[in-house]
Amino acid sequence: MFVLDTRLQEDTWLIGDFPLCRLLLSNDSNYPWFILVPRREGISEIFQLDDHDQHLMWDETTTLARALKAPLGADKMNVATLGNVVSQLHIHVIARYTSDVAWPGPVWGKHPAKPYTQAEVDTLRVKLKAVLGAEFNFTEDKQ
């Protein structure tokens, strides 16, 4: 049974689900920072997913990054999987701007998180609803 790591639950807003991955929004409005977590139990590495799920995860990652770039006006889309703090497999998809507080460096641990308001999350949801396909299932609640 899939259970989301408590650190991800505590630090994110739940946006919804792709067929494989849960989509979360990091509660740091310094950057539009999304996190995809495959809903599979006990997975910490991409190679632990079967071939179908590996392809699906990359398809969902690509779909999300492509869908976000233009509507958010991003200069660069950062896509990464580290897992050094949270071992549960997850992929970061971060819209970056040459004007953001950490540019051109990494976003991790550089600046204090600036939490989203409910209104800001609702605005992002509206943008996402306009660009994500019908296979995406939105959730309206915070985790």
N, C-alpha and C. Protein backbone atom coordinates (compact mmCIF):
# COMPACT_ATOMS: atom_id res chain seq x y z
N MET A 1 0.84 -1.17 0.00
CA MET A 1 0.00 0.00 0.00
C MET A 1 0.89 1.25 0.00
N PHE A 2 0.58 2.20 -0.86
CA PHE A 2 1.35 3.44 -0.96
C PHE A 2 1.05 4.35 0.22
N VAL A 3 2.12 4.84 0.87
CA VAL A 3 2.02 5.81 1.94
C VAL A 3 3.04 6.91 1.64
N LEU A 4 2.59 8.14 1.61
CA LEU A 4 3.48 9.26 1.34
C LEU A 4 4.35 9.54 2.57
N ASP A 5 5.64 9.75 2.35
CA ASP A 5 6.57 10.08 3.43
C ASP A 5 6.05 11.30 4.20
N THR A 6 6.13 11.25 5.51
CA THR A 6 5.58 12.32 6.34
C THR A 6 6.26 13.67 6.08
N ARG A 7 7.54 13.66 5.74
CA ARG A 7 8.21 14.94 5.44
C ARG A 7 7.63 15.58 4.18
N LEU A 8 7.30 14.76 3.20
CA LEU A 8 6.66 15.31 2.00
C LEU A 8 5.25 15.79 2.33
N GLN A 9 4.53 15.07 3.16
CA GLN A 9 3.19 15.51 3.56
C GLN A 9 3.23 16.85 4.26
N GLU A 10 4.19 17.03 5.14
CA GLU A 10 4.24 18.23 5.97
C GLU A 10 4.71 19.47 5.21
N ASP A 11 5.47 19.29 4.14
CA ASP A 11 6.09 20.41 3.45
C ASP A 11 5.48 20.73 2.09
N THR A 12 4.31 20.15 1.79
CA THR A 12 3.74 20.32 0.45
C THR A 12 2.23 20.54 0.50
N TRP A 13 1.72 20.99 -0.63
CA TRP A 13 0.29 21.03 -0.90
C TRP A 13 0.00 19.88 -1.87
N LEU A 14 -1.06 19.17 -1.62
CA LEU A 14 -1.49 18.10 -2.53
C LEU A 14 -2.23 18.74 -3.71
N ILE A 15 -1.77 18.44 -4.91
CA ILE A 15 -2.42 18.96 -6.12
C ILE A 15 -3.32 17.91 -6.74
N GLY A 16 -2.85 16.66 -6.82
CA GLY A 16 -3.66 15.61 -7.41
C GLY A 16 -2.81 14.44 -7.87
N ASP A 17 -3.36 13.66 -8.79
CA ASP A 17 -2.70 12.44 -9.23
C ASP A 17 -2.71 12.28 -10.74
N PHE A 18 -1.54 11.94 -11.27
CA PHE A 18 -1.43 11.38 -12.61
C PHE A 18 -1.74 9.89 -12.47
N PRO A 19 -1.78 9.15 -13.57
CA PRO A 19 -2.02 7.71 -13.43
C PRO A 19 -1.03 7.00 -12.50
N LEU A 20 0.23 7.40 -12.48
CA LEU A 20 1.22 6.78 -11.60
C LEU A 20 1.60 7.66 -10.41
N CYS A 21 1.85 8.91 -10.66
CA CYS A 21 2.46 9.78 -9.64
C CYS A 21 1.47 10.71 -8.96
N ARG A 22 1.71 10.90 -7.69
CA ARG A 22 1.03 11.95 -6.92
C ARG A 22 1.78 13.24 -7.20
N LEU A 23 1.04 14.33 -7.45
CA LEU A 23 1.64 15.63 -7.70
C LEU A 23 1.47 16.51 -6.48
N LEU A 24 2.61 17.00 -5.99
CA LEU A 24 2.65 17.87 -4.81
C LEU A 24 3.27 19.20 -5.21
N LEU A 25 2.95 20.23 -4.46
CA LEU A 25 3.55 21.54 -4.62
C LEU A 25 4.33 21.83 -3.35
N SER A 26 5.63 22.04 -3.46
CA SER A 26 6.44 22.38 -2.30
C SER A 26 5.93 23.70 -1.73
N ASN A 27 5.80 23.77 -0.42
CA ASN A 27 5.26 24.97 0.22
C ASN A 27 6.35 26.03 0.36
N ASP A 28 6.90 26.43 -0.80
CA ASP A 28 7.92 27.46 -0.88
C ASP A 28 7.65 28.28 -2.13
N SER A 29 7.02 29.43 -1.95
CA SER A 29 6.64 30.24 -3.11
C SER A 29 7.80 31.03 -3.71
N ASN A 30 9.02 30.81 -3.22
CA ASN A 30 10.17 31.40 -3.89
C ASN A 30 10.30 30.86 -5.32
N TYR A 31 9.78 29.65 -5.53
CA TYR A 31 9.87 28.99 -6.83
C TYR A 31 8.63 28.12 -7.01
N PRO A 32 8.07 28.05 -8.22
CA PRO A 32 7.04 27.03 -8.48
C PRO A 32 7.74 25.67 -8.50
N TRP A 33 7.64 24.94 -7.39
CA TRP A 33 8.44 23.74 -7.15
C TRP A 33 7.49 22.58 -6.94
N PHE A 34 7.41 21.71 -7.94
CA PHE A 34 6.51 20.57 -7.90
C PHE A 34 7.28 19.29 -7.63
N ILE A 35 6.59 18.32 -7.06
CA ILE A 35 7.21 17.05 -6.72
C ILE A 35 6.28 15.93 -7.18
N LEU A 36 6.83 15.00 -7.94
CA LEU A 36 6.09 13.82 -8.40
C LEU A 36 6.56 12.61 -7.60
N VAL A 37 5.61 11.88 -7.03
CA VAL A 37 5.93 10.69 -6.23
C VAL A 37 5.14 9.52 -6.79
N PRO A 38 5.84 8.49 -7.32
CA PRO A 38 5.09 7.33 -7.83
C PRO A 38 4.38 6.63 -6.66
N ARG A 39 3.13 6.28 -6.90
CA ARG A 39 2.34 5.64 -5.85
C ARG A 39 2.63 4.13 -5.84
N ARG A 40 3.86 3.82 -5.45
CA ARG A 40 4.31 2.44 -5.31
C ARG A 40 4.99 2.30 -3.96
N GLU A 41 4.76 1.22 -3.30
CA GLU A 41 5.30 0.98 -1.96
C GLU A 41 6.77 0.59 -2.01
N GLY A 42 7.55 1.17 -1.08
CA GLY A 42 8.93 0.73 -0.87
C GLY A 42 9.91 1.04 -1.98
N ILE A 43 9.66 2.08 -2.76
CA ILE A 43 10.53 2.40 -3.88
C ILE A 43 11.38 3.63 -3.53
N SER A 44 12.70 3.48 -3.66
CA SER A 44 13.59 4.61 -3.41
C SER A 44 14.43 4.97 -4.63
N GLU A 45 14.44 4.11 -5.63
CA GLU A 45 15.26 4.34 -6.82
C GLU A 45 14.42 4.10 -8.07
N ILE A 46 14.72 4.84 -9.13
CA ILE A 46 13.97 4.69 -10.38
C ILE A 46 14.08 3.26 -10.91
N PHE A 47 15.26 2.65 -10.80
CA PHE A 47 15.45 1.31 -11.35
C PHE A 47 14.66 0.24 -10.59
N GLN A 48 14.09 0.57 -9.43
CA GLN A 48 13.24 -0.38 -8.71
C GLN A 48 11.83 -0.46 -9.29
N LEU A 49 11.46 0.52 -10.09
CA LEU A 49 10.18 0.47 -10.79
C LEU A 49 10.28 -0.51 -11.95
N ASP A 50 9.19 -1.16 -12.29
CA ASP A 50 9.23 -2.01 -13.48
C ASP A 50 9.32 -1.12 -14.72
N ASP A 51 9.62 -1.72 -15.86
CA ASP A 51 9.85 -0.95 -17.08
C ASP A 51 8.67 -0.04 -17.42
N HIS A 52 7.46 -0.56 -17.30
CA HIS A 52 6.27 0.23 -17.61
C HIS A 52 6.20 1.47 -16.72
N ASP A 53 6.39 1.28 -15.42
CA ASP A 53 6.30 2.41 -14.48
C ASP A 53 7.45 3.40 -14.69
N GLN A 54 8.64 2.91 -15.06
CA GLN A 54 9.74 3.83 -15.36
C GLN A 54 9.37 4.75 -16.51
N HIS A 55 8.84 4.17 -17.57
CA HIS A 55 8.44 4.98 -18.73
C HIS A 55 7.31 5.94 -18.36
N LEU A 56 6.35 5.44 -17.60
CA LEU A 56 5.22 6.28 -17.20
C LEU A 56 5.68 7.45 -16.33
N MET A 57 6.62 7.18 -15.42
CA MET A 57 7.12 8.25 -14.57
C MET A 57 7.80 9.34 -15.39
N TRP A 58 8.63 8.94 -16.35
CA TRP A 58 9.28 9.93 -17.21
C TRP A 58 8.28 10.65 -18.09
N ASP A 59 7.27 9.94 -18.58
CA ASP A 59 6.22 10.59 -19.39
C ASP A 59 5.49 11.65 -18.56
N GLU A 60 5.15 11.32 -17.31
CA GLU A 60 4.44 12.27 -16.45
C GLU A 60 5.34 13.45 -16.08
N THR A 61 6.62 13.18 -15.87
CA THR A 61 7.58 14.25 -15.58
C THR A 61 7.69 15.20 -16.76
N THR A 62 7.82 14.64 -17.95
CA THR A 62 7.93 15.45 -19.16
C THR A 62 6.65 16.23 -19.41
N THR A 63 5.51 15.58 -19.24
CA THR A 63 4.22 16.25 -19.41
C THR A 63 4.11 17.45 -18.48
N LEU A 64 4.48 17.26 -17.22
CA LEU A 64 4.39 18.34 -16.25
C LEU A 64 5.34 19.49 -16.61
N ALA A 65 6.60 19.18 -16.87
CA ALA A 65 7.59 20.22 -17.18
C ALA A 65 7.17 21.00 -18.43
N ARG A 66 6.74 20.29 -19.45
CA ARG A 66 6.31 20.93 -20.70
C ARG A 66 5.08 21.81 -20.45
N ALA A 67 4.16 21.31 -19.65
CA ALA A 67 2.92 22.05 -19.38
C ALA A 67 3.17 23.31 -18.56
N LEU A 68 4.19 23.29 -17.71
CA LEU A 68 4.46 24.43 -16.82
C LEU A 68 5.27 25.55 -17.47
N LYS A 69 6.19 25.21 -18.35
CA LYS A 69 7.18 26.18 -18.82
C LYS A 69 6.56 27.46 -19.38
N ALA A 70 5.71 27.36 -20.35
CA ALA A 70 5.14 28.57 -20.97
C ALA A 70 4.14 29.29 -20.05
N PRO A 71 3.16 28.59 -19.47
CA PRO A 71 2.19 29.31 -18.62
C PRO A 71 2.82 30.01 -17.41
N LEU A 72 3.91 29.45 -16.89
CA LEU A 72 4.58 30.08 -15.75
C LEU A 72 5.69 31.04 -16.19
N GLY A 73 5.96 31.08 -17.48
CA GLY A 73 6.99 31.97 -18.00
C GLY A 73 8.38 31.64 -17.51
N ALA A 74 8.65 30.36 -17.29
CA ALA A 74 9.94 29.93 -16.75
C ALA A 74 11.06 30.12 -17.77
N ASP A 75 12.21 30.54 -17.25
CA ASP A 75 13.40 30.61 -18.09
C ASP A 75 14.04 29.24 -18.26
N LYS A 76 13.88 28.38 -17.24
CA LYS A 76 14.49 27.04 -17.24
C LYS A 76 13.65 26.13 -16.36
N MET A 77 13.50 24.90 -16.77
CA MET A 77 12.83 23.89 -15.95
C MET A 77 13.89 22.96 -15.39
N ASN A 78 14.01 22.92 -14.06
CA ASN A 78 14.95 22.00 -13.40
C ASN A 78 14.20 20.72 -13.05
N VAL A 79 14.77 19.59 -13.41
CA VAL A 79 14.20 18.27 -13.10
C VAL A 79 15.29 17.47 -12.41
N ALA A 80 14.97 16.96 -11.20
CA ALA A 80 16.00 16.24 -10.45
C ALA A 80 15.38 15.23 -9.49
N THR A 81 16.12 14.18 -9.22
CA THR A 81 15.78 13.23 -8.17
C THR A 81 17.03 13.01 -7.34
N LEU A 82 16.93 13.30 -6.05
CA LEU A 82 18.08 13.16 -5.16
C LEU A 82 17.80 12.11 -4.10
N GLY A 83 16.87 12.38 -3.21
CA GLY A 83 16.50 11.40 -2.20
C GLY A 83 17.47 11.23 -1.06
N ASN A 84 18.33 12.20 -0.84
CA ASN A 84 19.28 12.09 0.26
C ASN A 84 18.64 12.31 1.62
N VAL A 85 17.60 13.12 1.70
CA VAL A 85 16.89 13.38 2.95
C VAL A 85 15.64 12.53 3.03
N VAL A 86 14.84 12.56 1.96
CA VAL A 86 13.62 11.73 1.87
C VAL A 86 13.93 10.61 0.89
N SER A 87 14.03 9.38 1.39
CA SER A 87 14.44 8.28 0.51
C SER A 87 13.33 7.81 -0.43
N GLN A 88 12.06 8.08 -0.11
CA GLN A 88 10.98 7.68 -1.00
C GLN A 88 11.21 8.35 -2.36
N LEU A 89 11.15 7.55 -3.43
CA LEU A 89 11.41 8.08 -4.76
C LEU A 89 10.48 9.25 -5.06
N HIS A 90 11.08 10.36 -5.48
CA HIS A 90 10.32 11.53 -5.90
C HIS A 90 11.18 12.34 -6.87
N ILE A 91 10.51 13.03 -7.77
CA ILE A 91 11.19 13.86 -8.77
C ILE A 91 10.75 15.30 -8.58
N HIS A 92 11.74 16.18 -8.50
CA HIS A 92 11.48 17.61 -8.39
C HIS A 92 11.37 18.20 -9.79
N VAL A 93 10.35 19.00 -10.02
CA VAL A 93 10.18 19.74 -11.28
C VAL A 93 9.99 21.20 -10.86
N ILE A 94 11.02 22.00 -11.10
CA ILE A 94 11.05 23.36 -10.56
C ILE A 94 11.17 24.37 -11.71
N ALA A 95 10.22 25.32 -11.73
CA ALA A 95 10.30 26.41 -12.70
C ALA A 95 11.29 27.44 -12.15
N ARG A 96 12.31 27.75 -12.95
CA ARG A 96 13.34 28.68 -12.51
C ARG A 96 13.31 29.93 -13.38
N TYR A 97 13.70 31.02 -12.76
CA TYR A 97 13.73 32.33 -13.41
C TYR A 97 15.09 32.97 -13.16
N THR A 98 15.60 33.70 -14.13
CA THR A 98 16.87 34.38 -13.93
C THR A 98 16.76 35.41 -12.81
N SER A 99 15.54 35.77 -12.44
CA SER A 99 15.30 36.75 -11.37
C SER A 99 15.01 36.09 -10.01
N ASP A 100 14.98 34.74 -9.92
CA ASP A 100 14.64 34.14 -8.63
C ASP A 100 15.78 34.28 -7.63
N VAL A 101 15.47 34.13 -6.35
CA VAL A 101 16.42 34.44 -5.29
C VAL A 101 17.66 33.54 -5.28
N ALA A 102 17.61 32.40 -5.91
CA ALA A 102 18.75 31.49 -5.88
C ALA A 102 19.48 31.40 -7.23
N TRP A 103 18.95 32.04 -8.25
CA TRP A 103 19.53 31.92 -9.59
C TRP A 103 20.98 32.37 -9.59
N PRO A 104 21.89 31.68 -10.24
CA PRO A 104 21.72 30.45 -11.01
C PRO A 104 22.00 29.19 -10.18
N GLY A 105 22.14 29.33 -8.89
CA GLY A 105 22.47 28.20 -8.04
C GLY A 105 21.28 27.30 -7.76
N PRO A 106 21.52 26.24 -6.98
CA PRO A 106 20.44 25.32 -6.62
C PRO A 106 19.48 25.98 -5.63
N VAL A 107 18.26 25.46 -5.56
CA VAL A 107 17.24 26.01 -4.66
C VAL A 107 17.33 25.42 -3.26
N TRP A 108 17.96 24.26 -3.12
CA TRP A 108 17.99 23.55 -1.84
C TRP A 108 18.78 24.30 -0.78
N GLY A 109 18.11 24.64 0.31
CA GLY A 109 18.76 25.17 1.49
C GLY A 109 19.42 26.53 1.35
N LYS A 110 19.11 27.24 0.32
CA LYS A 110 19.75 28.53 0.08
C LYS A 110 19.01 29.69 0.74
N HIS A 111 17.70 29.63 0.76
CA HIS A 111 16.87 30.72 1.26
C HIS A 111 15.72 30.13 2.08
N PRO A 112 15.29 30.85 3.10
CA PRO A 112 14.15 30.35 3.88
C PRO A 112 12.92 30.18 2.99
N ALA A 113 12.17 29.12 3.26
CA ALA A 113 10.94 28.89 2.50
C ALA A 113 9.96 30.02 2.78
N LYS A 114 9.25 30.41 1.74
CA LYS A 114 8.21 31.44 1.84
C LYS A 114 6.89 30.73 1.56
N PRO A 115 6.12 30.37 2.61
CA PRO A 115 4.91 29.55 2.41
C PRO A 115 3.89 30.22 1.48
N TYR A 116 3.18 29.36 0.74
CA TYR A 116 2.09 29.81 -0.10
C TYR A 116 0.88 30.16 0.74
N THR A 117 0.06 31.07 0.23
CA THR A 117 -1.27 31.28 0.78
C THR A 117 -2.22 30.36 0.02
N GLN A 118 -3.39 30.14 0.57
CA GLN A 118 -4.41 29.34 -0.13
C GLN A 118 -4.73 29.97 -1.48
N ALA A 119 -4.82 31.29 -1.54
CA ALA A 119 -5.14 31.98 -2.80
C ALA A 119 -4.07 31.74 -3.86
N GLU A 120 -2.80 31.73 -3.46
CA GLU A 120 -1.72 31.48 -4.42
C GLU A 120 -1.78 30.04 -4.95
N VAL A 121 -2.08 29.10 -4.08
CA VAL A 121 -2.21 27.70 -4.51
C VAL A 121 -3.40 27.56 -5.45
N ASP A 122 -4.50 28.21 -5.13
CA ASP A 122 -5.67 28.16 -6.00
C ASP A 122 -5.36 28.72 -7.38
N THR A 123 -4.58 29.79 -7.45
CA THR A 123 -4.19 30.38 -8.73
C THR A 123 -3.34 29.39 -9.54
N LEU A 124 -2.40 28.72 -8.88
CA LEU A 124 -1.60 27.71 -9.58
C LEU A 124 -2.47 26.55 -10.07
N ARG A 125 -3.44 26.15 -9.26
CA ARG A 125 -4.35 25.06 -9.69
C ARG A 125 -5.11 25.44 -10.95
N VAL A 126 -5.56 26.68 -11.02
CA VAL A 126 -6.28 27.14 -12.22
C VAL A 126 -5.37 27.04 -13.44
N LYS A 127 -4.11 27.48 -13.30
CA LYS A 127 -3.16 27.39 -14.42
C LYS A 127 -2.93 25.93 -14.81
N LEU A 128 -2.79 25.06 -13.81
CA LEU A 128 -2.56 23.64 -14.10
C LEU A 128 -3.76 23.00 -14.79
N LYS A 129 -4.96 23.35 -14.33
CA LYS A 129 -6.17 22.77 -14.94
C LYS A 129 -6.27 23.14 -16.42
N ALA A 130 -5.74 24.30 -16.77
CA ALA A 130 -5.79 24.73 -18.17
C ALA A 130 -4.81 23.98 -19.06
N VAL A 131 -3.76 23.37 -18.46
CA VAL A 131 -2.71 22.77 -19.30
C VAL A 131 -2.53 21.27 -19.12
N LEU A 132 -3.03 20.68 -18.04
CA LEU A 132 -2.88 19.24 -17.84
C LEU A 132 -4.06 18.50 -18.45
N GLY A 133 -3.79 17.32 -18.95
CA GLY A 133 -4.82 16.55 -19.64
C GLY A 133 -5.88 15.98 -18.73
N ALA A 134 -6.87 15.37 -19.34
CA ALA A 134 -8.00 14.80 -18.62
C ALA A 134 -7.60 13.62 -17.74
N GLU A 135 -6.42 13.03 -18.00
CA GLU A 135 -5.99 11.90 -17.18
C GLU A 135 -5.49 12.34 -15.80
N PHE A 136 -5.38 13.66 -15.59
CA PHE A 136 -4.94 14.17 -14.29
C PHE A 136 -6.15 14.39 -13.39
N ASN A 137 -6.06 13.89 -12.16
CA ASN A 137 -7.16 13.98 -11.18
C ASN A 137 -6.78 15.00 -10.11
N PHE A 138 -7.43 16.17 -10.10
CA PHE A 138 -7.13 17.23 -9.14
C PHE A 138 -7.75 16.95 -7.78
N THR A 139 -7.04 17.36 -6.74
CA THR A 139 -7.54 17.34 -5.37
C THR A 139 -7.55 18.77 -4.90
N GLU A 140 -8.58 19.17 -4.19
CA GLU A 140 -8.71 20.56 -3.78
C GLU A 140 -8.22 20.84 -2.37
N ASP A 141 -7.76 19.85 -1.65
CA ASP A 141 -7.38 20.04 -0.24
C ASP A 141 -5.88 20.09 -0.08
N LYS A 142 -5.45 20.77 1.02
CA LYS A 142 -4.06 20.69 1.43
C LYS A 142 -3.89 19.34 2.09
N GLN A 143 -2.70 18.79 2.02
CA GLN A 143 -2.42 17.50 2.66
C GLN A 143 -2.74 17.56 4.12
